[in-house]
Amino acid sequence: MEEEWSKSQKFEKNWWLTCQFRHPYEIIKGDFVARIMMVDKGMPNKTVIDIGCGPLSILQRVCVKEGTAIDPIFYEELEDAYAKKGIKRIIMKGEELNTLTERYDEAWIYNCLQHVIDPSLILRNAMLLAPIVRIFEWTNIPPHEGHPQMLTQSILEAPFLEQGWTYIQKSTGFLNHDDLGGEYYSAIFSKNKPESSLVPFET
């Protein structure tokens, strides 16, 4: 799996560095995901860690009290945006996040777990770092180049439900918005708050 992961990381880096013409579209896509995760208005009073941030973290476009961005790839000149925004950047695998000592108000994970070695371990590590975890992932897509994992709703929910976490909100379905389409799963999990009624996201 390590060899497969290394290939997927090279694929991801090359895609970003050679396809910069796509970046405006990726920003639009990221903002759409931010709406589903309910973070598009920012969180100026919260510290946030973005796990699997890539070169275009939502943290670059919304206000938070303090942002930290984690990704195992160094994206060369694309990293400048993090420095300009004062976002702390850590080059690290999500599977190694249990070694961090800092704690955050929220952890965000979106559109990254198809690229990793162990999605469930990364979710469990996120639960160590913050009492609220927001996720958005495309689901039921078979493995393909740069994407060794196929994610399902059960895979994404299991770590939280096994440890007694509850939903603040979740949304599932099929998105068809311009060129952005596919099955998705999104949820806000809380260690402390009771489950609330589900509010569907309007596409």
N, C-alpha and C. Protein backbone atom coordinates (compact mmCIF):
# COMPACT_ATOMS: atom_id res chain seq x y z
N MET A 1 0.83 -1.21 0.00
CA MET A 1 0.00 0.00 0.00
C MET A 1 0.86 1.26 0.00
N GLU A 2 2.01 1.20 0.66
CA GLU A 2 2.91 2.36 0.69
C GLU A 2 3.33 2.77 -0.71
N GLU A 3 3.66 1.77 -1.55
CA GLU A 3 4.08 2.07 -2.92
C GLU A 3 2.93 2.70 -3.70
N GLU A 4 1.73 2.15 -3.51
CA GLU A 4 0.56 2.69 -4.18
C GLU A 4 0.29 4.12 -3.73
N TRP A 5 0.45 4.36 -2.41
CA TRP A 5 0.25 5.69 -1.85
C TRP A 5 1.26 6.68 -2.44
N SER A 6 2.52 6.27 -2.53
CA SER A 6 3.55 7.15 -3.08
C SER A 6 3.23 7.54 -4.52
N LYS A 7 2.74 6.59 -5.29
CA LYS A 7 2.36 6.88 -6.67
C LYS A 7 1.20 7.87 -6.72
N SER A 8 0.25 7.70 -5.81
CA SER A 8 -0.91 8.59 -5.80
C SER A 8 -0.51 10.01 -5.41
N GLN A 9 0.48 10.14 -4.50
CA GLN A 9 0.93 11.47 -4.09
C GLN A 9 1.68 12.16 -5.22
N LYS A 10 2.47 11.41 -5.97
CA LYS A 10 3.15 11.98 -7.13
C LYS A 10 2.14 12.43 -8.18
N PHE A 11 1.13 11.61 -8.39
CA PHE A 11 0.07 11.96 -9.33
C PHE A 11 -0.60 13.26 -8.92
N GLU A 12 -0.93 13.37 -7.62
CA GLU A 12 -1.63 14.54 -7.12
C GLU A 12 -0.78 15.81 -7.27
N LYS A 13 0.48 15.71 -6.90
CA LYS A 13 1.36 16.88 -7.01
C LYS A 13 1.52 17.31 -8.45
N ASN A 14 1.76 16.36 -9.34
CA ASN A 14 1.94 16.69 -10.75
C ASN A 14 0.68 17.31 -11.34
N TRP A 15 -0.48 16.78 -10.92
CA TRP A 15 -1.74 17.33 -11.42
C TRP A 15 -1.85 18.81 -11.08
N TRP A 16 -1.57 19.15 -9.83
CA TRP A 16 -1.70 20.54 -9.40
C TRP A 16 -0.65 21.44 -10.06
N LEU A 17 0.58 20.96 -10.14
CA LEU A 17 1.64 21.81 -10.66
C LEU A 17 1.57 21.99 -12.17
N THR A 18 0.98 21.04 -12.88
CA THR A 18 0.93 21.14 -14.34
C THR A 18 -0.43 21.59 -14.86
N CYS A 19 -1.43 21.63 -13.98
CA CYS A 19 -2.79 22.00 -14.42
C CYS A 19 -3.27 23.26 -13.70
N GLN A 20 -2.40 24.27 -13.62
CA GLN A 20 -2.77 25.46 -12.88
C GLN A 20 -3.93 26.21 -13.51
N PHE A 21 -4.17 25.97 -14.80
CA PHE A 21 -5.33 26.61 -15.43
C PHE A 21 -6.63 26.17 -14.79
N ARG A 22 -6.61 25.06 -14.06
CA ARG A 22 -7.82 24.56 -13.42
C ARG A 22 -8.05 25.20 -12.06
N HIS A 23 -7.11 25.96 -11.55
CA HIS A 23 -7.23 26.45 -10.18
C HIS A 23 -8.47 27.30 -9.94
N PRO A 24 -8.85 28.20 -10.85
CA PRO A 24 -10.11 28.95 -10.60
C PRO A 24 -11.31 28.03 -10.43
N TYR A 25 -11.36 26.96 -11.24
CA TYR A 25 -12.46 26.00 -11.10
C TYR A 25 -12.38 25.28 -9.76
N GLU A 26 -11.15 24.93 -9.34
CA GLU A 26 -11.00 24.24 -8.06
C GLU A 26 -11.42 25.14 -6.90
N ILE A 27 -11.19 26.44 -7.02
CA ILE A 27 -11.65 27.37 -5.98
C ILE A 27 -13.17 27.36 -5.93
N ILE A 28 -13.82 27.40 -7.09
CA ILE A 28 -15.29 27.35 -7.13
C ILE A 28 -15.79 26.06 -6.50
N LYS A 29 -15.13 24.94 -6.84
CA LYS A 29 -15.53 23.65 -6.29
C LYS A 29 -15.34 23.65 -4.77
N GLY A 30 -14.20 24.19 -4.31
CA GLY A 30 -13.94 24.23 -2.87
C GLY A 30 -14.95 25.08 -2.13
N ASP A 31 -15.35 26.19 -2.74
CA ASP A 31 -16.36 27.05 -2.10
C ASP A 31 -17.72 26.35 -2.03
N PHE A 32 -18.03 25.55 -3.04
CA PHE A 32 -19.26 24.77 -3.04
C PHE A 32 -19.24 23.75 -1.90
N VAL A 33 -18.10 23.09 -1.73
CA VAL A 33 -17.94 22.14 -0.63
C VAL A 33 -18.03 22.86 0.71
N ALA A 34 -17.46 24.05 0.80
CA ALA A 34 -17.51 24.82 2.05
C ALA A 34 -18.95 25.13 2.45
N ARG A 35 -19.81 25.39 1.47
CA ARG A 35 -21.22 25.63 1.77
C ARG A 35 -21.86 24.39 2.37
N ILE A 36 -21.58 23.23 1.80
CA ILE A 36 -22.16 22.00 2.32
C ILE A 36 -21.67 21.72 3.74
N MET A 37 -20.39 22.02 4.00
CA MET A 37 -19.82 21.80 5.33
C MET A 37 -20.21 22.90 6.31
N MET A 38 -20.90 23.94 5.80
CA MET A 38 -21.34 25.07 6.62
C MET A 38 -20.18 25.84 7.24
N VAL A 39 -19.13 26.06 6.44
CA VAL A 39 -17.99 26.85 6.91
C VAL A 39 -17.73 28.05 6.00
N ASP A 40 -18.60 28.25 5.00
CA ASP A 40 -18.35 29.29 4.00
C ASP A 40 -18.39 30.70 4.57
N LYS A 41 -19.02 30.90 5.73
CA LYS A 41 -19.07 32.23 6.35
C LYS A 41 -17.88 32.48 7.29
N GLY A 42 -17.03 31.45 7.44
CA GLY A 42 -15.88 31.60 8.31
C GLY A 42 -16.22 31.34 9.77
N MET A 43 -15.18 31.24 10.59
CA MET A 43 -15.33 30.99 12.02
C MET A 43 -14.25 31.78 12.76
N PRO A 44 -14.45 33.10 12.87
CA PRO A 44 -13.39 33.96 13.41
C PRO A 44 -13.01 33.70 14.86
N ASN A 45 -13.82 32.95 15.57
CA ASN A 45 -13.52 32.67 16.98
C ASN A 45 -13.02 31.26 17.22
N LYS A 46 -12.72 30.52 16.12
CA LYS A 46 -12.34 29.12 16.29
C LYS A 46 -10.97 28.83 15.67
N THR A 47 -10.25 27.93 16.31
CA THR A 47 -9.02 27.40 15.73
C THR A 47 -9.39 26.16 14.92
N VAL A 48 -8.79 26.05 13.73
CA VAL A 48 -9.19 24.99 12.79
C VAL A 48 -7.94 24.32 12.22
N ILE A 49 -7.99 22.99 12.13
CA ILE A 49 -6.97 22.24 11.41
C ILE A 49 -7.62 21.62 10.17
N ASP A 50 -7.03 21.90 9.01
CA ASP A 50 -7.48 21.35 7.74
C ASP A 50 -6.59 20.17 7.41
N ILE A 51 -7.17 18.97 7.40
CA ILE A 51 -6.41 17.74 7.19
C ILE A 51 -6.54 17.32 5.73
N GLY A 52 -5.40 17.24 5.04
CA GLY A 52 -5.41 16.93 3.61
C GLY A 52 -5.71 18.16 2.79
N CYS A 53 -5.08 19.27 3.14
CA CYS A 53 -5.44 20.58 2.61
C CYS A 53 -5.16 20.78 1.13
N GLY A 54 -4.15 20.08 0.58
CA GLY A 54 -3.76 20.37 -0.78
C GLY A 54 -3.24 21.80 -0.89
N PRO A 55 -3.09 22.34 -2.11
CA PRO A 55 -2.59 23.71 -2.25
C PRO A 55 -3.66 24.78 -2.14
N LEU A 56 -4.95 24.39 -2.11
CA LEU A 56 -6.04 25.38 -2.11
C LEU A 56 -7.00 25.11 -0.96
N SER A 57 -6.52 25.25 0.25
CA SER A 57 -7.36 25.04 1.43
C SER A 57 -8.48 26.07 1.49
N ILE A 58 -9.63 25.64 2.00
CA ILE A 58 -10.72 26.59 2.28
C ILE A 58 -10.25 27.65 3.27
N LEU A 59 -9.28 27.32 4.11
CA LEU A 59 -8.75 28.28 5.08
C LEU A 59 -8.17 29.52 4.40
N GLN A 60 -7.76 29.38 3.15
CA GLN A 60 -7.22 30.53 2.43
C GLN A 60 -8.29 31.56 2.08
N ARG A 61 -9.58 31.16 2.17
CA ARG A 61 -10.65 32.03 1.69
C ARG A 61 -11.72 32.35 2.74
N VAL A 62 -11.59 31.78 3.93
CA VAL A 62 -12.52 32.14 5.00
C VAL A 62 -11.72 32.55 6.23
N CYS A 63 -12.37 33.29 7.11
CA CYS A 63 -11.70 33.81 8.30
C CYS A 63 -11.88 32.84 9.46
N VAL A 64 -10.76 32.45 10.09
CA VAL A 64 -10.79 31.68 11.33
C VAL A 64 -9.83 32.34 12.32
N LYS A 65 -9.96 31.99 13.58
CA LYS A 65 -9.08 32.57 14.59
C LYS A 65 -7.63 32.19 14.33
N GLU A 66 -7.41 30.93 14.03
CA GLU A 66 -6.07 30.43 13.72
C GLU A 66 -6.22 29.18 12.88
N GLY A 67 -5.51 29.13 11.75
CA GLY A 67 -5.61 27.99 10.86
C GLY A 67 -4.32 27.21 10.74
N THR A 68 -4.46 25.88 10.70
CA THR A 68 -3.33 24.98 10.48
C THR A 68 -3.71 24.05 9.34
N ALA A 69 -2.80 23.86 8.39
CA ALA A 69 -3.08 23.05 7.21
C ALA A 69 -2.08 21.90 7.11
N ILE A 70 -2.61 20.68 7.00
CA ILE A 70 -1.80 19.47 6.99
C ILE A 70 -1.90 18.78 5.63
N ASP A 71 -0.77 18.42 5.06
CA ASP A 71 -0.75 17.64 3.83
C ASP A 71 0.65 17.05 3.68
N PRO A 72 0.79 15.83 3.17
CA PRO A 72 2.12 15.23 3.03
C PRO A 72 2.91 15.77 1.84
N ILE A 73 2.25 16.51 0.96
CA ILE A 73 2.91 17.03 -0.24
C ILE A 73 3.29 18.49 -0.05
N PHE A 74 4.50 18.85 -0.47
CA PHE A 74 4.91 20.25 -0.54
C PHE A 74 4.69 20.71 -1.98
N TYR A 75 3.84 21.72 -2.15
CA TYR A 75 3.40 22.12 -3.48
C TYR A 75 4.19 23.27 -4.09
N GLU A 76 5.43 23.42 -3.64
CA GLU A 76 6.36 24.39 -4.22
C GLU A 76 5.76 25.80 -4.24
N GLU A 77 5.71 26.47 -5.39
CA GLU A 77 5.28 27.87 -5.41
C GLU A 77 3.83 28.05 -4.98
N LEU A 78 3.03 26.97 -5.05
CA LEU A 78 1.63 27.08 -4.64
C LEU A 78 1.49 27.22 -3.13
N GLU A 79 2.58 26.98 -2.39
CA GLU A 79 2.54 27.12 -0.93
C GLU A 79 2.52 28.58 -0.50
N ASP A 80 2.84 29.50 -1.40
CA ASP A 80 2.93 30.92 -1.02
C ASP A 80 1.62 31.44 -0.43
N ALA A 81 0.51 30.92 -0.91
CA ALA A 81 -0.79 31.40 -0.42
C ALA A 81 -0.95 31.17 1.07
N TYR A 82 -0.38 30.09 1.59
CA TYR A 82 -0.48 29.82 3.02
C TYR A 82 0.29 30.86 3.83
N ALA A 83 1.51 31.16 3.39
CA ALA A 83 2.32 32.15 4.10
C ALA A 83 1.66 33.52 4.08
N LYS A 84 1.09 33.91 2.93
CA LYS A 84 0.45 35.22 2.82
C LYS A 84 -0.75 35.35 3.74
N LYS A 85 -1.44 34.25 4.00
CA LYS A 85 -2.63 34.26 4.85
C LYS A 85 -2.31 33.99 6.33
N GLY A 86 -1.05 33.73 6.63
CA GLY A 86 -0.68 33.44 8.02
C GLY A 86 -1.15 32.10 8.51
N ILE A 87 -1.33 31.16 7.60
CA ILE A 87 -1.78 29.81 7.96
C ILE A 87 -0.57 28.93 8.23
N LYS A 88 -0.57 28.26 9.36
CA LYS A 88 0.53 27.36 9.69
C LYS A 88 0.45 26.12 8.80
N ARG A 89 1.55 25.80 8.16
CA ARG A 89 1.57 24.67 7.22
C ARG A 89 2.49 23.59 7.77
N ILE A 90 1.97 22.36 7.85
CA ILE A 90 2.74 21.22 8.34
C ILE A 90 2.73 20.14 7.27
N ILE A 91 3.92 19.68 6.88
CA ILE A 91 4.03 18.60 5.89
C ILE A 91 4.01 17.28 6.66
N MET A 92 2.91 16.56 6.57
CA MET A 92 2.72 15.36 7.39
C MET A 92 1.61 14.51 6.83
N LYS A 93 1.73 13.20 6.95
CA LYS A 93 0.63 12.29 6.63
C LYS A 93 -0.48 12.40 7.67
N GLY A 94 -1.71 12.25 7.22
CA GLY A 94 -2.81 12.23 8.16
C GLY A 94 -2.73 11.05 9.12
N GLU A 95 -2.10 9.98 8.68
CA GLU A 95 -1.95 8.80 9.54
C GLU A 95 -1.01 9.05 10.71
N GLU A 96 -0.26 10.16 10.67
CA GLU A 96 0.70 10.48 11.73
C GLU A 96 0.22 11.59 12.66
N LEU A 97 -1.01 12.03 12.50
CA LEU A 97 -1.51 13.18 13.26
C LEU A 97 -1.60 12.92 14.76
N ASN A 98 -1.59 11.67 15.15
CA ASN A 98 -1.64 11.37 16.58
C ASN A 98 -0.39 11.83 17.31
N THR A 99 0.66 12.22 16.57
CA THR A 99 1.89 12.71 17.20
C THR A 99 1.82 14.20 17.53
N LEU A 100 0.80 14.91 17.04
CA LEU A 100 0.67 16.33 17.34
C LEU A 100 0.18 16.53 18.77
N THR A 101 0.69 17.56 19.42
CA THR A 101 0.28 17.85 20.80
C THR A 101 -0.75 18.98 20.87
N GLU A 102 -0.81 19.81 19.83
CA GLU A 102 -1.75 20.91 19.82
C GLU A 102 -3.18 20.40 19.61
N ARG A 103 -4.15 21.13 20.17
CA ARG A 103 -5.55 20.79 20.00
C ARG A 103 -6.29 21.98 19.39
N TYR A 104 -7.42 21.68 18.71
CA TYR A 104 -8.13 22.68 17.93
C TYR A 104 -9.62 22.64 18.25
N ASP A 105 -10.31 23.71 17.89
CA ASP A 105 -11.76 23.71 18.08
C ASP A 105 -12.45 22.81 17.06
N GLU A 106 -11.92 22.80 15.82
CA GLU A 106 -12.52 21.97 14.77
C GLU A 106 -11.44 21.38 13.88
N ALA A 107 -11.77 20.22 13.31
CA ALA A 107 -10.96 19.61 12.25
C ALA A 107 -11.82 19.49 11.01
N TRP A 108 -11.26 19.85 9.84
CA TRP A 108 -11.96 19.75 8.57
C TRP A 108 -11.25 18.75 7.67
N ILE A 109 -12.03 17.86 7.08
CA ILE A 109 -11.50 16.85 6.15
C ILE A 109 -12.41 16.83 4.93
N TYR A 110 -11.87 17.14 3.76
CA TYR A 110 -12.73 17.17 2.58
C TYR A 110 -11.95 16.81 1.32
N ASN A 111 -12.55 15.93 0.55
CA ASN A 111 -12.04 15.56 -0.76
C ASN A 111 -10.57 15.17 -0.73
N CYS A 112 -10.21 14.35 0.25
CA CYS A 112 -8.80 13.94 0.34
C CYS A 112 -8.63 12.46 0.69
N LEU A 113 -9.62 11.83 1.28
CA LEU A 113 -9.42 10.48 1.81
C LEU A 113 -9.32 9.40 0.75
N GLN A 114 -9.65 9.73 -0.50
CA GLN A 114 -9.42 8.77 -1.58
C GLN A 114 -7.93 8.59 -1.87
N HIS A 115 -7.12 9.55 -1.41
CA HIS A 115 -5.69 9.56 -1.75
C HIS A 115 -4.80 8.91 -0.70
N VAL A 116 -5.35 8.45 0.42
CA VAL A 116 -4.54 8.10 1.58
C VAL A 116 -4.34 6.59 1.75
N ILE A 117 -3.53 6.23 2.74
CA ILE A 117 -3.30 4.82 3.04
C ILE A 117 -4.44 4.24 3.88
N ASP A 118 -4.86 4.97 4.93
CA ASP A 118 -5.82 4.44 5.89
C ASP A 118 -6.84 5.52 6.26
N PRO A 119 -7.95 5.63 5.53
CA PRO A 119 -8.95 6.66 5.85
C PRO A 119 -9.47 6.60 7.28
N SER A 120 -9.72 5.40 7.78
CA SER A 120 -10.29 5.26 9.13
C SER A 120 -9.32 5.76 10.19
N LEU A 121 -8.03 5.49 10.02
CA LEU A 121 -7.04 5.97 10.97
C LEU A 121 -6.98 7.50 10.98
N ILE A 122 -7.07 8.10 9.82
CA ILE A 122 -7.04 9.56 9.75
C ILE A 122 -8.25 10.15 10.45
N LEU A 123 -9.41 9.55 10.27
CA LEU A 123 -10.60 10.04 10.97
C LEU A 123 -10.46 9.89 12.48
N ARG A 124 -9.91 8.77 12.92
CA ARG A 124 -9.69 8.60 14.37
C ARG A 124 -8.68 9.62 14.89
N ASN A 125 -7.66 9.92 14.12
CA ASN A 125 -6.69 10.93 14.54
C ASN A 125 -7.33 12.31 14.63
N ALA A 126 -8.22 12.61 13.68
CA ALA A 126 -8.92 13.90 13.74
C ALA A 126 -9.72 14.02 15.02
N MET A 127 -10.28 12.93 15.47
CA MET A 127 -11.08 12.93 16.70
C MET A 127 -10.23 13.20 17.93
N LEU A 128 -8.94 12.92 17.85
CA LEU A 128 -8.02 13.23 18.95
C LEU A 128 -7.70 14.71 19.02
N LEU A 129 -7.80 15.38 17.87
CA LEU A 129 -7.33 16.76 17.77
C LEU A 129 -8.41 17.80 18.02
N ALA A 130 -9.68 17.44 17.82
CA ALA A 130 -10.76 18.43 17.92
C ALA A 130 -12.07 17.75 18.33
N PRO A 131 -12.91 18.45 19.10
CA PRO A 131 -14.20 17.88 19.51
C PRO A 131 -15.28 17.97 18.43
N ILE A 132 -15.01 18.70 17.36
CA ILE A 132 -15.92 18.77 16.21
C ILE A 132 -15.13 18.46 14.95
N VAL A 133 -15.64 17.53 14.14
CA VAL A 133 -14.99 17.15 12.89
C VAL A 133 -16.01 17.28 11.76
N ARG A 134 -15.66 18.05 10.75
CA ARG A 134 -16.51 18.21 9.57
C ARG A 134 -15.86 17.47 8.40
N ILE A 135 -16.67 16.71 7.68
CA ILE A 135 -16.12 15.96 6.54
C ILE A 135 -17.01 16.11 5.31
N PHE A 136 -16.37 16.06 4.16
CA PHE A 136 -17.05 15.96 2.87
C PHE A 136 -16.19 15.07 1.99
N GLU A 137 -16.77 13.99 1.48
CA GLU A 137 -16.02 13.10 0.59
C GLU A 137 -16.93 12.56 -0.49
N TRP A 138 -16.36 12.36 -1.68
CA TRP A 138 -17.05 11.65 -2.75
C TRP A 138 -17.05 10.17 -2.43
N THR A 139 -18.15 9.50 -2.69
CA THR A 139 -18.28 8.10 -2.28
C THR A 139 -18.58 7.19 -3.47
N ASN A 140 -18.29 5.91 -3.23
CA ASN A 140 -18.62 4.83 -4.19
C ASN A 140 -17.96 5.01 -5.55
N ILE A 141 -16.77 5.60 -5.55
CA ILE A 141 -15.98 5.72 -6.78
C ILE A 141 -14.87 4.67 -6.72
N PRO A 142 -14.83 3.73 -7.65
CA PRO A 142 -13.80 2.69 -7.62
C PRO A 142 -12.40 3.30 -7.68
N PRO A 143 -11.41 2.63 -7.09
CA PRO A 143 -10.03 3.13 -7.15
C PRO A 143 -9.59 3.36 -8.59
N HIS A 144 -8.83 4.45 -8.79
CA HIS A 144 -8.26 4.76 -10.10
C HIS A 144 -7.00 5.57 -9.88
N GLU A 145 -6.35 5.97 -10.94
CA GLU A 145 -5.05 6.61 -10.82
C GLU A 145 -5.09 7.80 -9.85
N GLY A 146 -4.19 7.76 -8.86
CA GLY A 146 -4.13 8.81 -7.86
C GLY A 146 -5.14 8.69 -6.75
N HIS A 147 -6.02 7.70 -6.82
CA HIS A 147 -7.11 7.53 -5.86
C HIS A 147 -7.22 6.05 -5.47
N PRO A 148 -6.37 5.58 -4.57
CA PRO A 148 -6.35 4.14 -4.24
C PRO A 148 -7.52 3.66 -3.37
N GLN A 149 -8.28 4.59 -2.77
CA GLN A 149 -9.35 4.19 -1.86
C GLN A 149 -10.73 4.45 -2.46
N MET A 150 -11.64 3.49 -2.26
CA MET A 150 -13.05 3.73 -2.52
C MET A 150 -13.75 3.96 -1.18
N LEU A 151 -14.37 5.11 -1.01
CA LEU A 151 -15.01 5.48 0.24
C LEU A 151 -16.50 5.18 0.19
N THR A 152 -17.04 4.79 1.33
CA THR A 152 -18.48 4.58 1.47
C THR A 152 -18.96 5.31 2.72
N GLN A 153 -20.25 5.48 2.82
CA GLN A 153 -20.81 6.12 4.00
C GLN A 153 -20.43 5.36 5.27
N SER A 154 -20.49 4.05 5.23
CA SER A 154 -20.18 3.26 6.43
C SER A 154 -18.72 3.42 6.85
N ILE A 155 -17.80 3.48 5.87
CA ILE A 155 -16.39 3.69 6.20
C ILE A 155 -16.20 5.04 6.88
N LEU A 156 -16.88 6.07 6.39
CA LEU A 156 -16.70 7.42 6.92
C LEU A 156 -17.37 7.60 8.28
N GLU A 157 -18.44 6.90 8.53
CA GLU A 157 -19.16 7.06 9.80
C GLU A 157 -18.60 6.20 10.92
N ALA A 158 -18.07 5.03 10.58
CA ALA A 158 -17.75 4.02 11.59
C ALA A 158 -16.87 4.52 12.73
N PRO A 159 -15.75 5.24 12.47
CA PRO A 159 -14.90 5.66 13.59
C PRO A 159 -15.64 6.52 14.61
N PHE A 160 -16.55 7.36 14.14
CA PHE A 160 -17.29 8.24 15.04
C PHE A 160 -18.34 7.47 15.83
N LEU A 161 -19.09 6.63 15.15
CA LEU A 161 -20.16 5.90 15.82
C LEU A 161 -19.60 4.89 16.81
N GLU A 162 -18.45 4.31 16.49
CA GLU A 162 -17.82 3.34 17.40
C GLU A 162 -17.42 3.99 18.71
N GLN A 163 -17.12 5.29 18.69
CA GLN A 163 -16.68 5.98 19.90
C GLN A 163 -17.76 6.87 20.50
N GLY A 164 -19.00 6.70 20.02
CA GLY A 164 -20.12 7.38 20.64
C GLY A 164 -20.28 8.84 20.26
N TRP A 165 -19.63 9.28 19.18
CA TRP A 165 -19.85 10.64 18.70
C TRP A 165 -21.23 10.73 18.05
N THR A 166 -21.75 11.96 17.95
CA THR A 166 -23.08 12.15 17.38
C THR A 166 -23.02 13.16 16.23
N TYR A 167 -24.07 13.14 15.41
CA TYR A 167 -24.18 14.09 14.32
C TYR A 167 -24.70 15.42 14.84
N ILE A 168 -24.14 16.50 14.35
CA ILE A 168 -24.82 17.78 14.39
C ILE A 168 -25.67 17.89 13.13
N GLN A 169 -25.09 17.40 12.02
CA GLN A 169 -25.81 17.40 10.75
C GLN A 169 -25.11 16.43 9.81
N LYS A 170 -25.87 15.85 8.88
CA LYS A 170 -25.25 15.10 7.80
C LYS A 170 -26.07 15.25 6.54
N SER A 171 -25.42 15.04 5.41
CA SER A 171 -26.07 15.18 4.11
C SER A 171 -25.46 14.15 3.17
N THR A 172 -26.31 13.47 2.42
CA THR A 172 -25.85 12.51 1.43
C THR A 172 -26.65 12.71 0.16
N GLY A 173 -26.12 12.21 -0.93
CA GLY A 173 -26.88 12.29 -2.16
C GLY A 173 -25.99 12.40 -3.38
N PHE A 174 -26.52 12.98 -4.42
CA PHE A 174 -25.80 13.14 -5.68
C PHE A 174 -25.79 14.62 -6.03
N LEU A 175 -24.61 15.16 -6.25
CA LEU A 175 -24.48 16.56 -6.63
C LEU A 175 -24.30 16.67 -8.14
N ASN A 176 -25.01 17.59 -8.73
CA ASN A 176 -24.84 17.87 -10.15
C ASN A 176 -24.84 19.38 -10.31
N HIS A 177 -23.64 19.95 -10.26
CA HIS A 177 -23.48 21.40 -10.28
C HIS A 177 -22.39 21.73 -11.28
N ASP A 178 -22.77 22.19 -12.47
CA ASP A 178 -21.82 22.42 -13.55
C ASP A 178 -21.06 21.13 -13.81
N ASP A 179 -19.72 21.17 -13.72
CA ASP A 179 -18.92 19.98 -13.98
C ASP A 179 -18.70 19.14 -12.72
N LEU A 180 -19.26 19.58 -11.61
CA LEU A 180 -19.05 18.89 -10.35
C LEU A 180 -20.22 17.94 -10.12
N GLY A 181 -19.95 16.64 -10.10
CA GLY A 181 -21.04 15.70 -9.92
C GLY A 181 -20.57 14.39 -9.33
N GLY A 182 -21.49 13.71 -8.65
CA GLY A 182 -21.18 12.42 -8.08
C GLY A 182 -21.86 12.23 -6.74
N GLU A 183 -21.78 11.01 -6.23
CA GLU A 183 -22.32 10.72 -4.90
C GLU A 183 -21.38 11.30 -3.85
N TYR A 184 -21.97 11.83 -2.81
CA TYR A 184 -21.16 12.41 -1.75
C TYR A 184 -21.72 12.06 -0.38
N TYR A 185 -20.87 12.24 0.63
CA TYR A 185 -21.28 12.12 2.02
C TYR A 185 -20.65 13.29 2.76
N SER A 186 -21.44 14.01 3.52
CA SER A 186 -20.92 15.11 4.33
C SER A 186 -21.56 15.05 5.71
N ALA A 187 -20.79 15.35 6.72
CA ALA A 187 -21.32 15.31 8.09
C ALA A 187 -20.52 16.22 9.00
N ILE A 188 -21.18 16.67 10.04
CA ILE A 188 -20.53 17.37 11.14
C ILE A 188 -20.71 16.49 12.37
N PHE A 189 -19.62 15.97 12.88
CA PHE A 189 -19.65 15.10 14.06
C PHE A 189 -19.17 15.86 15.29
N SER A 190 -19.81 15.59 16.42
CA SER A 190 -19.44 16.23 17.67
C SER A 190 -19.22 15.19 18.77
N LYS A 191 -18.20 15.43 19.54
CA LYS A 191 -17.92 14.54 20.68
C LYS A 191 -18.89 14.78 21.82
N ASN A 192 -19.45 16.00 21.90
CA ASN A 192 -20.20 16.39 23.09
C ASN A 192 -21.66 16.71 22.86
N LYS A 193 -22.04 17.13 21.65
CA LYS A 193 -23.41 17.61 21.44
C LYS A 193 -24.34 16.48 21.05
N PRO A 194 -25.63 16.58 21.44
CA PRO A 194 -26.59 15.54 21.07
C PRO A 194 -26.93 15.59 19.60
N GLU A 195 -27.41 14.47 19.07
CA GLU A 195 -27.82 14.41 17.67
C GLU A 195 -29.00 15.33 17.42
N SER A 196 -28.96 16.05 16.30
CA SER A 196 -30.06 16.93 15.94
C SER A 196 -30.76 16.39 14.70
N SER A 197 -31.88 16.98 14.36
CA SER A 197 -32.56 16.55 13.13
C SER A 197 -31.70 16.91 11.93
N LEU A 198 -31.82 16.11 10.88
CA LEU A 198 -30.99 16.31 9.71
C LEU A 198 -31.57 17.42 8.84
N VAL A 199 -30.68 18.25 8.31
CA VAL A 199 -31.09 19.34 7.44
C VAL A 199 -30.51 19.10 6.07
N PRO A 200 -31.34 18.80 5.06
CA PRO A 200 -30.78 18.52 3.73
C PRO A 200 -30.16 19.76 3.12
N PHE A 201 -29.06 19.56 2.39
CA PHE A 201 -28.41 20.66 1.68
C PHE A 201 -29.08 20.86 0.36
N GLU A 202 -29.44 22.10 0.05
CA GLU A 202 -30.13 22.42 -1.19
C GLU A 202 -29.10 22.61 -2.30
N THR A 203 -29.16 21.77 -3.34
CA THR A 203 -28.24 21.89 -4.47
C THR A 203 -28.90 22.67 -5.59
